Amino acid sequence: MIVEHNVPLQPYNSFGIVARAQHLARIASEADVLAVLADAAWRDAPKFVLGGGSNIVLTGDVKPLVLKVEIKGLRLVEDTPRAWIVEAGAGENWHEAVEWAVDNGFPGLENLALIPGTVGGSPVQNIGAYGVELQDRFESLDAIALDTGRTFTLDAAQCAFGYRDSVFKHIASGTNSFGLAGRALITRVRFRLPKPWKAVMGYLDLERKMAETGNFTPNAREVFDWVCAIRRAKLPDWRQLGNAGSFFKNPTVTAEQCADIIARDPKIVHYPMADGSIKLAAGWLIDACGWKGKSIGNAGVYEKQALVLVNRGGRTHPVTGGEVMTLAKAIQTSVYERFGILLEPEPVVV
């Protein structure tokens, strides 16, 4: 394990923001984590875990020791009558891991294709798309405590999954609190992929694909390809146009609140939830406030999807983290003033 110094982070964040890590250690194995913790120079230093950099906004250079997770490995752990249990190293590219699973006969993750980032980031964010959330396919994960070096395993209940939320996004508030933000590094994640496989198609865009193709019984690879096509049509490739995916969470309101908004804006896109609450489409709210295609400095709102903020300056004149957050706050203000709803950002601001 070698600690590098003054490392450019522009290649390691999907927004393409220019920033540097004062110190960075590449973590290719559990042993590398333990080596950091055994080194007197780094044992007690503040640490920042970096995966694919697809869900962060860098507002300056990173002073804590950056632990860049590069742990690899894909394998079938168990094949039971009811499920395939598949394991992936936390440093594996998420989309490539999904494609590997589908192509090797372990379907179940195909609706989550083309989501940027690494496998280790998937449970942190409880990623989701097209009717499937990570928690629906989660078995367990291994992690290492960054204070003690202890290895531990968490199941779904212990991860405390919520909408784009988990125990890894919460700071411990007391001696009995289980918040793990900044306290652990995920090394491996296991997925439970149910048998018999059944396509999850209860999403308008996928229903349209079935109607367009006349294929109403797609296999997993076909669903995978459809999801990729839908995402590519709607969302920018961060390699060409820097972004962090959906920038705001879809807000949830009561049925009464939704009825009040519908009375004023009948076309608002909304989805009834099982608990009686209503989820609103944040992209629609932003678009309704006139932000689609608008910019502040080099930070812009994507023309095809108002939920995505983008880097207008490219790699040569990149957006700053300050510009991104200025735009985000202006959008929040507009939406709150019109709808009385405060949008919550998805990315971690560093």
Protein backbone atom coordinates (compact mmCIF):
# COMPACT_ATOMS: atom_id res chain seq x y z
CA MET A 1 0.00 0.00 0.00
CA ILE A 2 1.50 3.31 -1.15
CA VAL A 3 0.09 6.72 -0.26
CA GLU A 4 0.25 9.16 -3.20
CA HIS A 5 0.32 12.91 -2.70
CA ASN A 6 -1.28 15.88 -4.50
CA VAL A 7 -3.38 13.59 -6.73
CA PRO A 8 -5.74 15.18 -9.34
CA LEU A 9 -9.33 14.08 -8.72
CA GLN A 10 -10.85 15.34 -11.98
CA PRO A 11 -10.62 11.84 -13.54
CA TYR A 12 -12.26 10.35 -10.44
CA ASN A 13 -15.50 12.33 -10.28
CA SER A 14 -18.19 12.11 -12.94
CA PHE A 15 -18.88 15.87 -12.86
CA GLY A 16 -15.29 16.44 -14.03
CA ILE A 17 -14.69 19.04 -11.31
CA VAL A 18 -11.06 20.04 -10.83
CA ALA A 19 -9.85 19.23 -7.31
CA ARG A 20 -6.96 17.43 -5.69
CA ALA A 21 -6.50 14.90 -2.95
CA GLN A 22 -3.73 15.95 -0.64
CA HIS A 23 -3.16 12.25 0.05
CA LEU A 24 -4.61 9.15 -1.65
CA ALA A 25 -4.27 5.42 -1.04
CA ARG A 26 -5.52 2.88 -3.57
CA ILE A 27 -7.39 0.07 -1.84
CA ALA A 28 -7.16 -3.12 -3.92
CA SER A 29 -7.75 -5.54 -1.04
CA GLU A 30 -8.81 -5.78 2.57
CA ALA A 31 -5.11 -5.99 3.44
CA ASP A 32 -4.59 -2.48 2.04
CA VAL A 33 -7.15 -1.07 4.49
CA LEU A 34 -5.45 -2.80 7.39
CA ALA A 35 -2.07 -1.51 6.19
CA VAL A 36 -3.39 2.07 6.33
CA LEU A 37 -4.75 1.52 9.83
CA ALA A 38 -1.48 -0.07 10.97
CA ASP A 39 0.56 2.91 9.77
CA ALA A 40 1.08 5.38 12.59
CA ALA A 41 1.12 8.25 10.08
CA TRP A 42 -2.41 7.47 8.86
CA ARG A 43 -4.14 5.45 11.56
CA ASP A 44 -5.81 8.44 13.24
CA ALA A 45 -6.01 10.72 10.20
CA PRO A 46 -9.44 11.72 8.85
CA LYS A 47 -10.41 9.54 5.90
CA PHE A 48 -12.69 9.88 2.87
CA VAL A 49 -13.85 6.78 0.98
CA LEU A 50 -14.03 7.26 -2.82
CA GLY A 51 -15.68 4.79 -5.16
CA GLY A 52 -16.67 5.75 -8.69
CA GLY A 53 -17.10 9.44 -7.83
CA SER A 54 -20.50 9.42 -9.53
CA ASN A 55 -22.44 10.77 -6.57
CA ILE A 56 -20.25 13.55 -5.22
CA VAL A 57 -19.79 17.28 -5.72
CA LEU A 58 -16.26 18.44 -4.91
CA THR A 59 -16.25 22.02 -3.65
CA GLY A 60 -12.50 22.14 -3.05
CA ASP A 61 -9.41 20.03 -2.49
CA VAL A 62 -9.92 17.01 -0.25
CA LYS A 63 -7.81 17.21 2.90
CA PRO A 64 -8.66 13.83 4.51
CA LEU A 65 -6.77 10.76 3.31
CA VAL A 66 -8.71 9.53 0.26
CA LEU A 67 -9.22 5.77 0.24
CA LYS A 68 -9.93 4.97 -3.41
CA VAL A 69 -11.68 1.61 -3.49
CA GLU A 70 -10.43 -0.66 -6.29
CA ILE A 71 -11.30 -4.11 -4.89
CA LYS A 72 -12.22 -6.45 -7.76
CA GLY A 73 -13.84 -9.86 -8.11
CA LEU A 74 -17.10 -11.34 -9.45
CA ARG A 75 -18.35 -14.80 -8.48
CA LEU A 76 -21.34 -16.99 -7.83
CA VAL A 77 -21.34 -17.74 -4.10
CA GLU A 78 -24.32 -20.07 -3.90
CA ASP A 79 -26.94 -21.59 -6.20
CA THR A 80 -30.08 -22.54 -4.25
CA PRO A 81 -33.53 -23.67 -5.40
CA ARG A 82 -34.84 -20.18 -4.57
CA ALA A 83 -32.02 -17.83 -5.57
CA TRP A 84 -28.57 -17.21 -6.99
CA ILE A 85 -26.24 -15.50 -4.50
CA VAL A 86 -23.69 -13.42 -6.42
CA GLU A 87 -20.77 -11.48 -4.91
CA ALA A 88 -18.89 -8.50 -6.34
CA GLY A 89 -15.86 -6.58 -5.13
CA ALA A 90 -16.67 -3.02 -4.06
CA GLY A 91 -14.37 -1.56 -6.72
CA GLU A 92 -16.11 -3.27 -9.64
CA ASN A 93 -17.87 -0.98 -12.09
CA TRP A 94 -21.59 -1.31 -11.31
CA HIS A 95 -22.86 -1.53 -14.89
CA GLU A 96 -20.20 -4.06 -15.86
CA ALA A 97 -21.10 -6.19 -12.82
CA VAL A 98 -24.78 -6.13 -13.84
CA GLU A 99 -23.89 -7.16 -17.40
CA TRP A 100 -21.64 -9.95 -16.11
CA ALA A 101 -24.45 -11.33 -13.95
CA VAL A 102 -26.99 -11.25 -16.79
CA ASP A 103 -24.62 -12.79 -19.33
CA ASN A 104 -23.59 -15.56 -16.94
CA GLY A 105 -27.16 -16.64 -16.28
CA PHE A 106 -27.82 -14.80 -13.03
CA PRO A 107 -30.65 -12.37 -13.89
CA GLY A 108 -32.30 -9.93 -11.53
CA LEU A 109 -30.22 -6.75 -11.72
CA GLU A 110 -30.98 -5.82 -15.33
CA ASN A 111 -33.33 -2.94 -14.43
CA LEU A 112 -30.36 -1.27 -12.73
CA ALA A 113 -28.17 -1.31 -15.84
CA LEU A 114 -26.09 1.73 -16.81
CA ILE A 115 -26.24 3.37 -13.38
CA PRO A 116 -22.79 4.98 -12.97
CA GLY A 117 -20.52 4.22 -10.05
CA THR A 118 -19.07 1.20 -8.32
CA VAL A 119 -20.59 -1.82 -6.60
CA GLY A 120 -19.50 -0.48 -3.20
CA GLY A 121 -21.55 2.66 -3.70
CA SER A 122 -24.75 0.78 -4.57
CA PRO A 123 -25.86 -0.04 -1.00
CA VAL A 124 -24.73 3.35 0.32
CA GLN A 125 -27.18 5.08 -2.00
CA ASN A 126 -29.68 2.20 -2.23
CA ILE A 127 -29.66 2.81 -5.96
CA GLY A 128 -32.84 2.20 -7.91
CA ALA A 129 -34.34 2.48 -11.38
CA TYR A 130 -37.23 1.17 -13.47
CA GLY A 131 -39.11 -0.53 -10.66
CA VAL A 132 -36.18 -2.14 -8.81
CA GLU A 133 -34.15 -0.89 -5.84
CA LEU A 134 -30.88 -2.31 -4.58
CA GLN A 135 -32.58 -3.41 -1.36
CA ASP A 136 -34.86 -5.71 -3.43
CA ARG A 137 -31.83 -7.72 -4.54
CA PHE A 138 -29.53 -7.32 -1.54
CA GLU A 139 -28.18 -10.25 0.50
CA SER A 140 -25.32 -8.84 2.62
CA LEU A 141 -22.08 -6.89 2.53
CA ASP A 142 -18.66 -6.99 4.12
CA ALA A 143 -16.99 -3.86 5.47
CA ILE A 144 -14.08 -2.76 7.61
CA ALA A 145 -14.40 -0.33 10.50
CA LEU A 146 -11.99 2.55 9.91
CA ASP A 147 -11.35 3.12 13.61
CA THR A 148 -10.62 -0.43 14.75
CA GLY A 149 -9.88 -2.37 11.55
CA ARG A 150 -12.58 -4.86 12.51
CA THR A 151 -14.26 -6.69 9.63
CA PHE A 152 -18.03 -7.02 9.88
CA THR A 153 -20.99 -8.16 7.79
CA LEU A 154 -24.37 -6.44 7.48
CA ASP A 155 -27.67 -7.83 6.23
CA ALA A 156 -30.45 -5.74 4.70
CA ALA A 157 -32.09 -4.86 8.03
CA GLN A 158 -28.78 -3.66 9.47
CA CYS A 159 -28.19 -1.47 6.41
CA ALA A 160 -31.42 0.41 7.26
CA PHE A 161 -32.27 1.00 3.62
CA GLY A 162 -34.59 3.85 2.70
CA TYR A 163 -35.28 5.84 -0.44
CA ARG A 164 -31.74 6.62 -1.70
CA ASP A 165 -30.65 6.12 1.87
CA SER A 166 -28.80 3.71 4.15
CA VAL A 167 -26.91 3.56 7.43
CA PHE A 168 -23.79 4.60 5.49
CA LYS A 169 -25.24 8.07 4.88
CA HIS A 170 -25.87 8.86 8.54
CA ILE A 171 -23.39 10.15 11.11
CA ALA A 172 -23.35 8.42 14.48
CA SER A 173 -25.09 10.71 16.96
CA GLY A 174 -24.13 8.90 20.17
CA THR A 175 -22.44 5.87 21.65
CA ASN A 176 -25.39 3.63 20.75
CA SER A 177 -25.96 5.08 17.28
CA PHE A 178 -25.23 2.86 14.30
CA GLY A 179 -24.65 5.62 11.75
CA LEU A 180 -21.68 4.55 9.62
CA ALA A 181 -20.97 7.65 7.51
CA GLY A 182 -17.19 8.06 7.45
CA ARG A 183 -16.70 5.10 9.77
CA ALA A 184 -16.51 2.12 7.40
CA LEU A 185 -15.25 1.00 4.01
CA ILE A 186 -17.35 -1.54 2.10
CA THR A 187 -15.22 -4.30 0.58
CA ARG A 188 -17.69 -6.77 -0.97
CA VAL A 189 -21.41 -6.90 -1.71
CA ARG A 190 -23.62 -9.96 -2.22
CA PHE A 191 -26.90 -10.02 -4.11
CA ARG A 192 -29.84 -12.41 -3.82
CA LEU A 193 -31.31 -12.91 -7.29
CA PRO A 194 -34.67 -14.72 -6.97
CA LYS A 195 -35.72 -17.88 -8.78
CA PRO A 196 -37.70 -18.27 -10.88
CA TRP A 197 -36.67 -15.05 -12.60
CA LYS A 198 -39.51 -12.73 -13.53
CA ALA A 199 -39.12 -9.55 -15.54
CA VAL A 200 -40.02 -6.34 -13.70
CA MET A 201 -41.86 -4.34 -16.35
CA GLY A 202 -44.27 -2.12 -14.41
CA TYR A 203 -42.70 1.07 -15.68
CA LEU A 204 -44.11 3.22 -18.48
CA ASP A 205 -40.91 3.35 -20.56
CA LEU A 206 -40.53 -0.44 -20.43
CA GLU A 207 -44.20 -0.94 -21.30
CA ARG A 208 -43.62 1.27 -24.33
CA LYS A 209 -40.66 -0.90 -25.35
CA MET A 210 -42.84 -3.99 -25.21
CA ALA A 211 -45.49 -2.30 -27.35
CA GLU A 212 -42.92 -0.98 -29.85
CA THR A 213 -41.22 -4.35 -30.30
CA GLY A 214 -44.25 -6.59 -29.89
CA ASN A 215 -42.18 -8.56 -27.37
CA PHE A 216 -44.25 -9.01 -24.23
CA THR A 217 -42.09 -11.75 -22.71
CA PRO A 218 -38.56 -10.31 -22.86
CA ASN A 219 -35.65 -12.22 -21.39
CA ALA A 220 -33.21 -10.62 -18.95
CA ARG A 221 -30.74 -9.58 -21.65
CA GLU A 222 -33.50 -7.89 -23.61
CA VAL A 223 -34.65 -5.99 -20.52
CA PHE A 224 -31.01 -5.01 -19.91
CA ASP A 225 -30.69 -3.69 -23.48
CA TRP A 226 -33.99 -1.81 -23.24
CA VAL A 227 -33.00 -0.12 -19.98
CA CYS A 228 -29.67 0.91 -21.51
CA ALA A 229 -31.41 2.36 -24.57
CA ILE A 230 -33.93 4.28 -22.43
CA ARG A 231 -31.24 5.71 -20.18
CA ARG A 232 -29.01 6.72 -23.11
CA ALA A 233 -31.93 8.52 -24.76
CA LYS A 234 -32.78 10.48 -21.61
CA LEU A 235 -29.55 10.95 -19.72
CA PRO A 236 -26.14 12.31 -20.74
CA ASP A 237 -23.07 10.09 -20.72
CA TRP A 238 -20.87 11.59 -18.01
CA ARG A 239 -17.81 10.90 -20.17
CA GLN A 240 -19.11 13.40 -22.74
CA LEU A 241 -21.08 15.73 -20.47
CA GLY A 242 -20.08 15.66 -16.82
CA ASN A 243 -22.89 15.03 -14.34
CA ALA A 244 -23.80 13.13 -11.18
CA GLY A 245 -27.01 11.57 -12.46
CA SER A 246 -30.25 12.55 -10.76
CA PHE A 247 -29.31 15.52 -8.60
CA PHE A 248 -32.44 15.66 -6.44
CA LYS A 249 -34.54 13.00 -4.74
CA ASN A 250 -38.16 12.67 -5.78
CA PRO A 251 -40.04 14.23 -2.85
CA THR A 252 -42.82 12.43 -0.99
CA VAL A 253 -45.94 14.25 0.20
CA THR A 254 -49.25 13.34 1.84
CA ALA A 255 -52.31 12.66 -0.26
CA GLU A 256 -53.76 15.95 1.00
CA GLN A 257 -50.67 17.91 -0.04
CA CYS A 258 -50.73 16.27 -3.47
CA ALA A 259 -54.41 17.10 -3.93
CA ASP A 260 -53.65 20.73 -3.12
CA ILE A 261 -50.85 20.84 -5.71
CA ILE A 262 -52.99 19.08 -8.34
CA ALA A 263 -55.69 21.70 -7.82
CA ARG A 264 -53.16 24.31 -8.92
CA ASP A 265 -51.09 22.21 -11.34
CA PRO A 266 -53.24 19.34 -12.70
CA LYS A 267 -50.44 17.98 -14.91
CA ILE A 268 -47.99 17.26 -12.07
CA VAL A 269 -46.40 13.82 -12.40
CA HIS A 270 -47.06 11.78 -9.24
CA TYR A 271 -46.98 8.16 -8.10
CA PRO A 272 -49.11 6.69 -5.27
CA MET A 273 -47.04 4.71 -2.75
CA ALA A 274 -48.05 1.63 -0.78
CA ASP A 275 -48.15 3.54 2.50
CA GLY A 276 -50.66 6.08 1.16
CA SER A 277 -48.14 8.82 0.50
CA ILE A 278 -47.52 10.29 -2.94
CA LYS A 279 -44.15 10.55 -4.66
CA LEU A 280 -43.73 13.56 -6.94
CA ALA A 281 -41.40 13.72 -9.95
CA ALA A 282 -38.68 16.20 -8.99
CA GLY A 283 -37.75 16.66 -12.64
CA TRP A 284 -41.29 17.81 -13.44
CA LEU A 285 -41.23 20.31 -10.55
CA ILE A 286 -37.92 21.75 -11.77
CA ASP A 287 -39.10 21.90 -15.37
CA ALA A 288 -42.33 23.62 -14.29
CA CYS A 289 -40.21 26.33 -12.70
CA GLY A 290 -38.53 26.97 -16.05
CA TRP A 291 -35.07 25.62 -15.29
CA LYS A 292 -34.64 23.06 -18.10
CA GLY A 293 -31.71 24.14 -20.28
CA LYS A 294 -30.78 27.07 -18.03
CA SER A 295 -27.28 27.65 -16.62
CA ILE A 296 -25.41 29.49 -13.89
CA GLY A 297 -21.78 29.83 -14.92
CA ASN A 298 -20.70 26.45 -16.26
CA ALA A 299 -23.35 24.57 -14.29
CA GLY A 300 -26.46 23.79 -16.33
CA VAL A 301 -29.75 21.91 -16.24
CA TYR A 302 -29.82 19.19 -18.89
CA GLU A 303 -32.16 19.93 -21.80
CA LYS A 304 -33.65 16.44 -21.93
CA GLN A 305 -34.07 15.85 -18.17
CA ALA A 306 -34.39 18.67 -15.65
CA LEU A 307 -33.37 16.36 -12.81
CA VAL A 308 -29.80 16.24 -14.11
CA LEU A 309 -27.28 19.05 -13.57
CA VAL A 310 -24.37 19.08 -16.01
CA ASN A 311 -20.86 20.46 -16.54
CA ARG A 312 -21.17 22.92 -19.45
CA GLY A 313 -17.46 23.74 -19.47
CA GLY A 314 -16.24 20.24 -20.27
CA ARG A 315 -12.83 19.05 -19.16
CA THR A 316 -10.95 22.13 -20.35
CA HIS A 317 -13.05 24.81 -18.61
CA PRO A 318 -14.87 22.69 -16.06
CA VAL A 319 -17.67 23.66 -13.75
CA THR A 320 -16.71 24.33 -10.13
CA GLY A 321 -18.39 22.74 -7.17
CA GLY A 322 -19.46 26.22 -6.11
CA GLU A 323 -21.28 26.78 -9.41
CA VAL A 324 -23.06 23.44 -9.10
CA MET A 325 -24.26 24.22 -5.59
CA THR A 326 -25.28 27.78 -6.52
CA LEU A 327 -27.46 26.37 -9.30
CA ALA A 328 -28.83 23.66 -7.01
CA LYS A 329 -29.79 26.18 -4.33
CA ALA A 330 -31.45 28.46 -6.90
CA ILE A 331 -33.53 25.50 -8.12
CA GLN A 332 -34.46 24.59 -4.54
CA THR A 333 -35.63 28.15 -3.91
CA SER A 334 -37.76 28.24 -7.07
CA VAL A 335 -39.45 24.92 -6.34
CA TYR A 336 -40.08 25.84 -2.71
CA GLU A 337 -41.56 29.21 -3.59
CA ARG A 338 -43.95 27.70 -6.15
CA PHE A 339 -44.85 24.34 -4.59
CA GLY A 340 -43.86 24.61 -0.93
CA ILE A 341 -41.53 21.61 -1.35
CA LEU A 342 -37.85 21.61 -0.46
CA LEU A 343 -35.94 19.34 -2.81
CA GLU A 344 -33.21 17.23 -1.23
CA PRO A 345 -29.96 16.71 -3.18
CA GLU A 346 -28.79 13.16 -3.81
CA PRO A 347 -25.02 13.68 -4.21
CA VAL A 348 -22.65 14.04 -1.28
CA VAL A 349 -21.14 17.53 -1.13
CA VAL A 350 -17.46 17.36 -0.20
